[in-house]
Amino acid sequence: MPGNPIECRLHSLHCSELAESAATTELRQKFTDLAETWKQLAAELESDQALLGAIGELEFTQQACEPYETLPLVLGLRSLGAWSAIHSERALSELYPKQYEAA
């Protein structure tokens, strides 16, 4: 995965240093905001790397047909087809409540 949380934190530190020596309040605020953005990016990269590491350790019990089905499968969630069936059943029960109450 591109990106390095350590480098992001170094950029954040550098922006904080630039904020301290900024000539105007506006420039100081911009560098402070930029430092915060670098910190958030570092945290997101760490979170993404942890998730990818966990997914990499899981074994697939079933082959996914489409890329968007992969994550639910490795996390042990229901397949897209099962979710569609549940959603369809729920939608039908909302459209035809009397028929579903009797069943």
PDB file of N, CA and C in Angstrom:
ATOM      1  N   MET A   1       0.853  -1.176   0.000  1.00  0.00           N
ATOM      2  CA  MET A   1       0.000   0.000   0.000  1.00  0.00           C
ATOM      3  C   MET A   1       0.895   1.235   0.000  1.00  0.00           C
ATOM      4  N   PRO A   2       0.626   2.169  -0.880  1.00  0.00           N
ATOM      5  CA  PRO A   2       1.419   3.390  -0.896  1.00  0.00           C
ATOM      6  C   PRO A   2       1.177   4.201   0.375  1.00  0.00           C
ATOM      7  N   GLY A   3       2.174   4.916   0.767  1.00  0.00           N
ATOM      8  CA  GLY A   3       2.040   5.768   1.942  1.00  0.00           C
ATOM      9  C   GLY A   3       2.715   5.157   3.150  1.00  0.00           C
ATOM     10  N   ASN A   4       3.267   6.009   3.968  1.00  0.00           N
ATOM     11  CA  ASN A   4       3.986   5.574   5.147  1.00  0.00           C
ATOM     12  C   ASN A   4       3.551   6.457   6.311  1.00  0.00           C
ATOM     13  N   PRO A   5       2.946   5.884   7.343  1.00  0.00           N
ATOM     14  CA  PRO A   5       2.484   6.683   8.480  1.00  0.00           C
ATOM     15  C   PRO A   5       3.608   7.462   9.166  1.00  0.00           C
ATOM     16  N   ILE A   6       4.801   6.883   9.192  1.00  0.00           N
ATOM     17  CA  ILE A   6       5.930   7.583   9.831  1.00  0.00           C
ATOM     18  C   ILE A   6       6.267   8.855   9.064  1.00  0.00           C
ATOM     19  N   GLU A   7       6.303   8.757   7.741  1.00  0.00           N
ATOM     20  CA  GLU A   7       6.574   9.941   6.925  1.00  0.00           C
ATOM     21  C   GLU A   7       5.475  10.990   7.102  1.00  0.00           C
ATOM     22  N   CYS A   8       4.238  10.543   7.197  1.00  0.00           N
ATOM     23  CA  CYS A   8       3.128  11.473   7.404  1.00  0.00           C
ATOM     24  C   CYS A   8       3.295  12.219   8.724  1.00  0.00           C
ATOM     25  N   ARG A   9       3.702  11.498   9.764  1.00  0.00           N
ATOM     26  CA  ARG A   9       3.901  12.149  11.067  1.00  0.00           C
ATOM     27  C   ARG A   9       5.086  13.132  11.022  1.00  0.00           C
ATOM     28  N   LEU A  10       6.101  12.801  10.237  1.00  0.00           N
ATOM     29  CA  LEU A  10       7.228  13.737  10.073  1.00  0.00           C
ATOM     30  C   LEU A  10       6.771  15.003   9.348  1.00  0.00           C
ATOM     31  N   HIS A  11       5.935  14.839   8.330  1.00  0.00           N
ATOM     32  CA  HIS A  11       5.392  16.009   7.631  1.00  0.00           C
ATOM     33  C   HIS A  11       4.541  16.847   8.583  1.00  0.00           C
ATOM     34  N   SER A  12       3.784  16.174   9.441  1.00  0.00           N
ATOM     35  CA  SER A  12       2.966  16.877  10.417  1.00  0.00           C
ATOM     36  C   SER A  12       3.839  17.699  11.371  1.00  0.00           C
ATOM     37  N   LEU A  13       4.905  17.091  11.834  1.00  0.00           N
ATOM     38  CA  LEU A  13       5.838  17.787  12.728  1.00  0.00           C
ATOM     39  C   LEU A  13       6.460  18.996  12.033  1.00  0.00           C
ATOM     40  N   HIS A  14       6.845  18.812  10.786  1.00  0.00           N
ATOM     41  CA  HIS A  14       7.440  19.911  10.014  1.00  0.00           C
ATOM     42  C   HIS A  14       6.440  21.057   9.848  1.00  0.00           C
ATOM     43  N   CYS A  15       5.184  20.736   9.559  1.00  0.00           N
ATOM     44  CA  CYS A  15       4.159  21.771   9.422  1.00  0.00           C
ATOM     45  C   CYS A  15       3.935  22.502  10.749  1.00  0.00           C
ATOM     46  N   SER A  16       3.986  21.762  11.846  1.00  0.00           N
ATOM     47  CA  SER A  16       3.842  22.388  13.170  1.00  0.00           C
ATOM     48  C   SER A  16       4.991  23.356  13.439  1.00  0.00           C
ATOM     49  N   GLU A  17       6.200  22.962  13.046  1.00  0.00           N
ATOM     50  CA  GLU A  17       7.352  23.855  13.208  1.00  0.00           C
ATOM     51  C   GLU A  17       7.202  25.109  12.345  1.00  0.00           C
ATOM     52  N   LEU A  18       6.713  24.920  11.119  1.00  0.00           N
ATOM     53  CA  LEU A  18       6.496  26.068  10.249  1.00  0.00           C
ATOM     54  C   LEU A  18       5.410  26.982  10.807  1.00  0.00           C
ATOM     55  N   ALA A  19       4.404  26.392  11.453  1.00  0.00           N
ATOM     56  CA  ALA A  19       3.337  27.196  12.054  1.00  0.00           C
ATOM     57  C   ALA A  19       3.881  28.081  13.167  1.00  0.00           C
ATOM     58  N   GLU A  20       4.811  27.551  13.947  1.00  0.00           N
ATOM     59  CA  GLU A  20       5.384  28.327  15.047  1.00  0.00           C
ATOM     60  C   GLU A  20       6.150  29.543  14.557  1.00  0.00           C
ATOM     61  N   SER A  21       6.761  29.430  13.390  1.00  0.00           N
ATOM     62  CA  SER A  21       7.555  30.547  12.876  1.00  0.00           C
ATOM     63  C   SER A  21       6.837  31.341  11.780  1.00  0.00           C
ATOM     64  N   ALA A  22       5.551  31.090  11.600  1.00  0.00           N
ATOM     65  CA  ALA A  22       4.792  31.780  10.556  1.00  0.00           C
ATOM     66  C   ALA A  22       4.675  33.265  10.863  1.00  0.00           C
ATOM     67  N   ALA A  23       4.696  34.062   9.804  1.00  0.00           N
ATOM     68  CA  ALA A  23       4.676  35.515   9.958  1.00  0.00           C
ATOM     69  C   ALA A  23       3.285  36.051  10.285  1.00  0.00           C
ATOM     70  N   THR A  24       2.251  35.392   9.830  1.00  0.00           N
ATOM     71  CA  THR A  24       0.892  35.893  10.058  1.00  0.00           C
ATOM     72  C   THR A  24       0.043  34.828  10.750  1.00  0.00           C
ATOM     73  N   THR A  25      -1.024  35.286  11.356  1.00  0.00           N
ATOM     74  CA  THR A  25      -1.959  34.374  12.016  1.00  0.00           C
ATOM     75  C   THR A  25      -2.609  33.447  10.993  1.00  0.00           C
ATOM     76  N   GLU A  26      -2.935  33.995   9.834  1.00  0.00           N
ATOM     77  CA  GLU A  26      -3.575  33.195   8.787  1.00  0.00           C
ATOM     78  C   GLU A  26      -2.644  32.066   8.330  1.00  0.00           C
ATOM     79  N   LEU A  27      -1.392  32.388   8.117  1.00  0.00           N
ATOM     80  CA  LEU A  27      -0.422  31.385   7.690  1.00  0.00           C
ATOM     81  C   LEU A  27      -0.191  30.350   8.793  1.00  0.00           C
ATOM     82  N   ARG A  28      -0.163  30.797  10.032  1.00  0.00           N
ATOM     83  CA  ARG A  28       0.001  29.891  11.169  1.00  0.00           C
ATOM     84  C   ARG A  28      -1.156  28.890  11.217  1.00  0.00           C
ATOM     85  N   GLN A  29      -2.383  29.388  11.008  1.00  0.00           N
ATOM     86  CA  GLN A  29      -3.548  28.515  11.032  1.00  0.00           C
ATOM     87  C   GLN A  29      -3.517  27.502   9.893  1.00  0.00           C
ATOM     88  N   LYS A  30      -3.074  27.948   8.713  1.00  0.00           N
ATOM     89  CA  LYS A  30      -2.992  27.037   7.567  1.00  0.00           C
ATOM     90  C   LYS A  30      -1.987  25.912   7.830  1.00  0.00           C
ATOM     91  N   PHE A  31      -0.838  26.242   8.396  1.00  0.00           N
ATOM     92  CA  PHE A  31       0.154  25.210   8.708  1.00  0.00           C
ATOM     93  C   PHE A  31      -0.341  24.279   9.822  1.00  0.00           C
ATOM     94  N   THR A  32      -1.067  24.833  10.791  1.00  0.00           N
ATOM     95  CA  THR A  32      -1.634  24.014  11.858  1.00  0.00           C
ATOM     96  C   THR A  32      -2.669  23.045  11.292  1.00  0.00           C
ATOM     97  N   ASP A  33      -3.521  23.535  10.394  1.00  0.00           N
ATOM     98  CA  ASP A  33      -4.518  22.674   9.747  1.00  0.00           C
ATOM     99  C   ASP A  33      -3.845  21.589   8.913  1.00  0.00           C
ATOM    100  N   LEU A  34      -2.798  21.968   8.214  1.00  0.00           N
ATOM    101  CA  LEU A  34      -2.079  21.006   7.393  1.00  0.00           C
ATOM    102  C   LEU A  34      -1.410  19.936   8.272  1.00  0.00           C
ATOM    103  N   ALA A  35      -0.872  20.338   9.400  1.00  0.00           N
ATOM    104  CA  ALA A  35      -0.266  19.382  10.328  1.00  0.00           C
ATOM    105  C   ALA A  35      -1.317  18.378  10.811  1.00  0.00           C
ATOM    106  N   GLU A  36      -2.516  18.863  11.109  1.00  0.00           N
ATOM    107  CA  GLU A  36      -3.595  17.982  11.559  1.00  0.00           C
ATOM    108  C   GLU A  36      -4.011  17.015  10.451  1.00  0.00           C
ATOM    109  N   THR A  37      -4.036  17.498   9.226  1.00  0.00           N
ATOM    110  CA  THR A  37      -4.379  16.633   8.093  1.00  0.00           C
ATOM    111  C   THR A  37      -3.355  15.519   7.932  1.00  0.00           C
ATOM    112  N   TRP A  38      -2.072  15.841   8.095  1.00  0.00           N
ATOM    113  CA  TRP A  38      -1.028  14.816   8.008  1.00  0.00           C
ATOM    114  C   TRP A  38      -1.183  13.783   9.119  1.00  0.00           C
ATOM    115  N   LYS A  39      -1.554  14.234  10.331  1.00  0.00           N
ATOM    116  CA  LYS A  39      -1.778  13.294  11.442  1.00  0.00           C
ATOM    117  C   LYS A  39      -2.937  12.350  11.137  1.00  0.00           C
ATOM    118  N   GLN A  40      -4.023  12.908  10.595  1.00  0.00           N
ATOM    119  CA  GLN A  40      -5.182  12.082  10.252  1.00  0.00           C
ATOM    120  C   GLN A  40      -4.833  11.067   9.169  1.00  0.00           C
ATOM    121  N   LEU A  41      -4.059  11.498   8.188  1.00  0.00           N
ATOM    122  CA  LEU A  41      -3.649  10.580   7.129  1.00  0.00           C
ATOM    123  C   LEU A  41      -2.807   9.441   7.704  1.00  0.00           C
ATOM    124  N   ALA A  42      -1.912   9.752   8.620  1.00  0.00           N
ATOM    125  CA  ALA A  42      -1.095   8.717   9.256  1.00  0.00           C
ATOM    126  C   ALA A  42      -1.976   7.706   9.987  1.00  0.00           C
ATOM    127  N   ALA A  43      -2.969   8.203  10.714  1.00  0.00           N
ATOM    128  CA  ALA A  43      -3.874   7.308  11.447  1.00  0.00           C
ATOM    129  C   ALA A  43      -4.678   6.431  10.487  1.00  0.00           C
ATOM    130  N   GLU A  44      -5.143   7.007   9.387  1.00  0.00           N
ATOM    131  CA  GLU A  44      -5.902   6.227   8.401  1.00  0.00           C
ATOM    132  C   GLU A  44      -5.023   5.160   7.751  1.00  0.00           C
ATOM    133  N   LEU A  45      -3.790   5.506   7.434  1.00  0.00           N
ATOM    134  CA  LEU A  45      -2.872   4.526   6.850  1.00  0.00           C
ATOM    135  C   LEU A  45      -2.616   3.376   7.816  1.00  0.00           C
ATOM    136  N   GLU A  46      -2.416   3.691   9.085  1.00  0.00           N
ATOM    137  CA  GLU A  46      -2.198   2.633  10.079  1.00  0.00           C
ATOM    138  C   GLU A  46      -3.422   1.724  10.192  1.00  0.00           C
ATOM    139  N   SER A  47      -4.587   2.326  10.198  1.00  0.00           N
ATOM    140  CA  SER A  47      -5.824   1.551  10.280  1.00  0.00           C
ATOM    141  C   SER A  47      -5.985   0.655   9.053  1.00  0.00           C
ATOM    142  N   ASP A  48      -5.750   1.218   7.872  1.00  0.00           N
ATOM    143  CA  ASP A  48      -5.862   0.435   6.637  1.00  0.00           C
ATOM    144  C   ASP A  48      -4.853  -0.705   6.606  1.00  0.00           C
ATOM    145  N   GLN A  49      -3.635  -0.440   7.035  1.00  0.00           N
ATOM    146  CA  GLN A  49      -2.609  -1.478   7.041  1.00  0.00           C
ATOM    147  C   GLN A  49      -2.980  -2.599   8.018  1.00  0.00           C
ATOM    148  N   ALA A  50      -3.548  -2.234   9.154  1.00  0.00           N
ATOM    149  CA  ALA A  50      -3.973  -3.252  10.120  1.00  0.00           C
ATOM    150  C   ALA A  50      -5.093  -4.114   9.539  1.00  0.00           C
ATOM    151  N   LEU A  51      -6.041  -3.482   8.870  1.00  0.00           N
ATOM    152  CA  LEU A  51      -7.139  -4.230   8.258  1.00  0.00           C
ATOM    153  C   LEU A  51      -6.624  -5.156   7.164  1.00  0.00           C
ATOM    154  N   LEU A  52      -5.751  -4.647   6.314  1.00  0.00           N
ATOM    155  CA  LEU A  52      -5.193  -5.487   5.250  1.00  0.00           C
ATOM    156  C   LEU A  52      -4.381  -6.645   5.827  1.00  0.00           C
ATOM    157  N   GLY A  53      -3.664  -6.393   6.913  1.00  0.00           N
ATOM    158  CA  GLY A  53      -2.914  -7.464   7.571  1.00  0.00           C
ATOM    159  C   GLY A  53      -3.837  -8.538   8.113  1.00  0.00           C
ATOM    160  N   ALA A  54      -4.946  -8.118   8.734  1.00  0.00           N
ATOM    161  CA  ALA A  54      -5.909  -9.080   9.276  1.00  0.00           C
ATOM    162  C   ALA A  54      -6.562  -9.881   8.158  1.00  0.00           C
ATOM    163  N   ILE A  55      -6.902  -9.216   7.070  1.00  0.00           N
ATOM    164  CA  ILE A  55      -7.516  -9.912   5.937  1.00  0.00           C
ATOM    165  C   ILE A  55      -6.531 -10.910   5.344  1.00  0.00           C
ATOM    166  N   GLY A  56      -5.258 -10.520   5.274  1.00  0.00           N
ATOM    167  CA  GLY A  56      -4.242 -11.405   4.724  1.00  0.00           C
ATOM    168  C   GLY A  56      -4.051 -12.675   5.534  1.00  0.00           C
ATOM    169  N   GLU A  57      -4.360 -12.617   6.823  1.00  0.00           N
ATOM    170  CA  GLU A  57      -4.205 -13.785   7.681  1.00  0.00           C
ATOM    171  C   GLU A  57      -5.403 -14.728   7.616  1.00  0.00           C
ATOM    172  N   LEU A  58      -6.522 -14.251   7.131  1.00  0.00           N
ATOM    173  CA  LEU A  58      -7.724 -15.077   7.056  1.00  0.00           C
ATOM    174  C   LEU A  58      -7.656 -16.009   5.857  1.00  0.00           C
ATOM    175  N   GLU A  59      -8.286 -17.142   5.997  1.00  0.00           N
ATOM    176  CA  GLU A  59      -8.356 -18.091   4.891  1.00  0.00           C
ATOM    177  C   GLU A  59      -9.728 -17.998   4.261  1.00  0.00           C
ATOM    178  N   PHE A  60      -9.742 -18.066   2.951  1.00  0.00           N
ATOM    179  CA  PHE A  60     -11.004 -18.053   2.240  1.00  0.00           C
ATOM    180  C   PHE A  60     -11.574 -19.462   2.236  1.00  0.00           C
ATOM    181  N   THR A  61     -12.825 -19.584   2.613  1.00  0.00           N
ATOM    182  CA  THR A  61     -13.492 -20.881   2.556  1.00  0.00           C
ATOM    183  C   THR A  61     -14.306 -21.008   1.277  1.00  0.00           C
ATOM    184  N   GLN A  62     -14.446 -19.897   0.591  1.00  0.00           N
ATOM    185  CA  GLN A  62     -15.268 -19.866  -0.605  1.00  0.00           C
ATOM    186  C   GLN A  62     -14.656 -18.829  -1.541  1.00  0.00           C
ATOM    187  N   GLN A  63     -14.642 -19.107  -2.823  1.00  0.00           N
ATOM    188  CA  GLN A  63     -14.111 -18.154  -3.787  1.00  0.00           C
ATOM    189  C   GLN A  63     -15.148 -17.085  -4.074  1.00  0.00           C
ATOM    190  N   ALA A  64     -14.746 -15.848  -4.033  1.00  0.00           N
ATOM    191  CA  ALA A  64     -15.637 -14.751  -4.380  1.00  0.00           C
ATOM    192  C   ALA A  64     -15.637 -14.571  -5.891  1.00  0.00           C
ATOM    193  N   CYS A  65     -16.798 -14.303  -6.434  1.00  0.00           N
ATOM    194  CA  CYS A  65     -16.907 -14.103  -7.876  1.00  0.00           C
ATOM    195  C   CYS A  65     -16.511 -12.687  -8.258  1.00  0.00           C
ATOM    196  N   GLU A  66     -16.806 -11.742  -7.420  1.00  0.00           N
ATOM    197  CA  GLU A  66     -16.555 -10.338  -7.708  1.00  0.00           C
ATOM    198  C   GLU A  66     -15.702  -9.751  -6.591  1.00  0.00           C
ATOM    199  N   PRO A  67     -14.870  -8.754  -6.911  1.00  0.00           N
ATOM    200  CA  PRO A  67     -14.023  -8.147  -5.874  1.00  0.00           C
ATOM    201  C   PRO A  67     -14.805  -7.582  -4.689  1.00  0.00           C
ATOM    202  N   TYR A  68     -15.995  -7.026  -4.941  1.00  0.00           N
ATOM    203  CA  TYR A  68     -16.758  -6.436  -3.843  1.00  0.00           C
ATOM    204  C   TYR A  68     -17.314  -7.472  -2.883  1.00  0.00           C
ATOM    205  N   GLU A  69     -17.264  -8.760  -3.249  1.00  0.00           N
ATOM    206  CA  GLU A  69     -17.736  -9.816  -2.355  1.00  0.00           C
ATOM    207  C   GLU A  69     -16.638 -10.315  -1.423  1.00  0.00           C
ATOM    208  N   THR A  70     -15.409  -9.958  -1.688  1.00  0.00           N
ATOM    209  CA  THR A  70     -14.278 -10.496  -0.940  1.00  0.00           C
ATOM    210  C   THR A  70     -14.312 -10.130   0.534  1.00  0.00           C
ATOM    211  N   LEU A  71     -14.445  -8.854   0.858  1.00  0.00           N
ATOM    212  CA  LEU A  71     -14.395  -8.429   2.256  1.00  0.00           C
ATOM    213  C   LEU A  71     -15.489  -9.075   3.101  1.00  0.00           C
ATOM    214  N   PRO A  72     -16.747  -9.071   2.672  1.00  0.00           N
ATOM    215  CA  PRO A  72     -17.760  -9.754   3.496  1.00  0.00           C
ATOM    216  C   PRO A  72     -17.444 -11.233   3.718  1.00  0.00           C
ATOM    217  N   LEU A  73     -16.872 -11.891   2.707  1.00  0.00           N
ATOM    218  CA  LEU A  73     -16.553 -13.312   2.860  1.00  0.00           C
ATOM    219  C   LEU A  73     -15.472 -13.533   3.902  1.00  0.00           C
ATOM    220  N   VAL A  74     -14.386 -12.761   3.836  1.00  0.00           N
ATOM    221  CA  VAL A  74     -13.298 -12.985   4.784  1.00  0.00           C
ATOM    222  C   VAL A  74     -13.674 -12.567   6.193  1.00  0.00           C
ATOM    223  N   LEU A  75     -14.629 -11.662   6.318  1.00  0.00           N
ATOM    224  CA  LEU A  75     -15.076 -11.253   7.643  1.00  0.00           C
ATOM    225  C   LEU A  75     -16.188 -12.145   8.173  1.00  0.00           C
ATOM    226  N   GLY A  76     -16.567 -13.155   7.370  1.00  0.00           N
ATOM    227  CA  GLY A  76     -17.594 -14.098   7.806  1.00  0.00           C
ATOM    228  C   GLY A  76     -18.997 -13.546   7.736  1.00  0.00           C
ATOM    229  N   LEU A  77     -19.172 -12.507   6.934  1.00  0.00           N
ATOM    230  CA  LEU A  77     -20.503 -11.941   6.770  1.00  0.00           C
ATOM    231  C   LEU A  77     -21.249 -12.709   5.698  1.00  0.00           C
ATOM    232  N   ARG A  78     -22.513 -12.484   5.589  1.00  0.00           N
ATOM    233  CA  ARG A  78     -23.309 -13.164   4.577  1.00  0.00           C
ATOM    234  C   ARG A  78     -22.900 -12.690   3.186  1.00  0.00           C
ATOM    235  N   SER A  79     -23.172 -13.526   2.221  1.00  0.00           N
ATOM    236  CA  SER A  79     -22.850 -13.176   0.842  1.00  0.00           C
ATOM    237  C   SER A  79     -23.794 -12.089   0.355  1.00  0.00           C
ATOM    238  N   LEU A  80     -23.424 -11.467  -0.750  1.00  0.00           N
ATOM    239  CA  LEU A  80     -24.259 -10.434  -1.338  1.00  0.00           C
ATOM    240  C   LEU A  80     -25.630 -10.987  -1.695  1.00  0.00           C
ATOM    241  N   GLY A  81     -25.671 -12.209  -2.192  1.00  0.00           N
ATOM    242  CA  GLY A  81     -26.949 -12.832  -2.532  1.00  0.00           C
ATOM    243  C   GLY A  81     -27.851 -12.977  -1.325  1.00  0.00           C
ATOM    244  N   ALA A  82     -27.275 -13.367  -0.192  1.00  0.00           N
ATOM    245  CA  ALA A  82     -28.069 -13.511   1.031  1.00  0.00           C
ATOM    246  C   ALA A  82     -28.601 -12.158   1.490  1.00  0.00           C
ATOM    247  N   TRP A  83     -27.754 -11.123   1.422  1.00  0.00           N
ATOM    248  CA  TRP A  83     -28.198  -9.787   1.815  1.00  0.00           C
ATOM    249  C   TRP A  83     -29.292  -9.291   0.878  1.00  0.00           C
ATOM    250  N   SER A  84     -29.149  -9.581  -0.417  1.00  0.00           N
ATOM    251  CA  SER A  84     -30.176  -9.171  -1.382  1.00  0.00           C
ATOM    252  C   SER A  84     -31.495  -9.857  -1.073  1.00  0.00           C
ATOM    253  N   ALA A  85     -31.439 -11.143  -0.738  1.00  0.00           N
ATOM    254  CA  ALA A  85     -32.656 -11.885  -0.419  1.00  0.00           C
ATOM    255  C   ALA A  85     -33.323 -11.311   0.823  1.00  0.00           C
ATOM    256  N   ILE A  86     -32.544 -11.004   1.831  1.00  0.00           N
ATOM    257  CA  ILE A  86     -33.092 -10.423   3.059  1.00  0.00           C
ATOM    258  C   ILE A  86     -33.719  -9.069   2.753  1.00  0.00           C
ATOM    259  N   HIS A  87     -33.001  -8.261   1.984  1.00  0.00           N
ATOM    260  CA  HIS A  87     -33.497  -6.935   1.640  1.00  0.00           C
ATOM    261  C   HIS A  87     -34.784  -7.052   0.824  1.00  0.00           C
ATOM    262  N   SER A  88     -34.819  -7.985  -0.129  1.00  0.00           N
ATOM    263  CA  SER A  88     -36.010  -8.181  -0.947  1.00  0.00           C
ATOM    264  C   SER A  88     -37.184  -8.635  -0.097  1.00  0.00           C
ATOM    265  N   GLU A  89     -36.922  -9.545   0.815  1.00  0.00           N
ATOM    266  CA  GLU A  89     -37.975 -10.039   1.715  1.00  0.00           C
ATOM    267  C   GLU A  89     -38.519  -8.894   2.554  1.00  0.00           C
ATOM    268  N   ARG A  90     -37.624  -8.066   3.075  1.00  0.00           N
ATOM    269  CA  ARG A  90     -38.032  -6.929   3.890  1.00  0.00           C
ATOM    270  C   ARG A  90     -38.839  -5.938   3.053  1.00  0.00           C
ATOM    271  N   ALA A  91     -38.374  -5.683   1.832  1.00  0.00           N
ATOM    272  CA  ALA A  91     -39.076  -4.751   0.956  1.00  0.00           C
ATOM    273  C   ALA A  91     -40.466  -5.274   0.621  1.00  0.00           C
ATOM    274  N   LEU A  92     -40.578  -6.562   0.340  1.00  0.00           N
ATOM    275  CA  LEU A  92     -41.888  -7.144   0.035  1.00  0.00           C
ATOM    276  C   LEU A  92     -42.820  -7.070   1.242  1.00  0.00           C
ATOM    277  N   SER A  93     -42.283  -7.320   2.430  1.00  0.00           N
ATOM    278  CA  SER A  93     -43.129  -7.271   3.623  1.00  0.00           C
ATOM    279  C   SER A  93     -43.615  -5.854   3.896  1.00  0.00           C
ATOM    280  N   GLU A  94     -42.828  -4.853   3.493  1.00  0.00           N
ATOM    281  CA  GLU A  94     -43.265  -3.469   3.662  1.00  0.00           C
ATOM    282  C   GLU A  94     -44.310  -3.088   2.617  1.00  0.00           C
ATOM    283  N   LEU A  95     -44.172  -3.638   1.412  1.00  0.00           N
ATOM    284  CA  LEU A  95     -45.129  -3.352   0.349  1.00  0.00           C
ATOM    285  C   LEU A  95     -46.451  -4.080   0.575  1.00  0.00           C
ATOM    286  N   TYR A  96     -46.368  -5.312   1.071  1.00  0.00           N
ATOM    287  CA  TYR A  96     -47.556  -6.148   1.251  1.00  0.00           C
ATOM    288  C   TYR A  96     -47.627  -6.659   2.690  1.00  0.00           C
ATOM    289  N   PRO A  97     -47.831  -5.751   3.654  1.00  0.00           N
ATOM    290  CA  PRO A  97     -47.782  -6.172   5.059  1.00  0.00           C
ATOM    291  C   PRO A  97     -48.851  -7.196   5.449  1.00  0.00           C
ATOM    292  N   LYS A  98     -50.010  -7.110   4.859  1.00  0.00           N
ATOM    293  CA  LYS A  98     -51.096  -8.032   5.243  1.00  0.00           C
ATOM    294  C   LYS A  98     -50.768  -9.462   4.836  1.00  0.00           C
ATOM    295  N   GLN A  99     -50.184  -9.654   3.671  1.00  0.00           N
ATOM    296  CA  GLN A  99     -49.836 -10.990   3.226  1.00  0.00           C
ATOM    297  C   GLN A  99     -48.748 -11.586   4.127  1.00  0.00           C
ATOM    298  N   TYR A 100     -47.824 -10.755   4.587  1.00  0.00           N
ATOM    299  CA  TYR A 100     -46.730 -11.267   5.405  1.00  0.00           C
ATOM    300  C   TYR A 100     -47.134 -11.463   6.864  1.00  0.00           C
ATOM    301  N   GLU A 101     -48.147 -10.743   7.322  1.00  0.00           N
ATOM    302  CA  GLU A 101     -48.630 -10.939   8.686  1.00  0.00           C
ATOM    303  C   GLU A 101     -49.309 -12.304   8.823  1.00  0.00           C
ATOM    304  N   ALA A 102     -50.016 -12.718   7.779  1.00  0.00           N
ATOM    305  CA  ALA A 102     -50.717 -13.994   7.821  1.00  0.00           C
ATOM    306  C   ALA A 102     -49.756 -15.163   7.731  1.00  0.00           C
ATOM    307  N   ALA A 103     -48.601 -14.970   7.112  1.00  0.00           N
ATOM    308  CA  ALA A 103     -47.656 -16.073   6.902  1.00  0.00           C
ATOM    309  C   ALA A 103     -46.886 -16.427   8.116  1.00  0.00           C
TER     310      ALA A 103
END
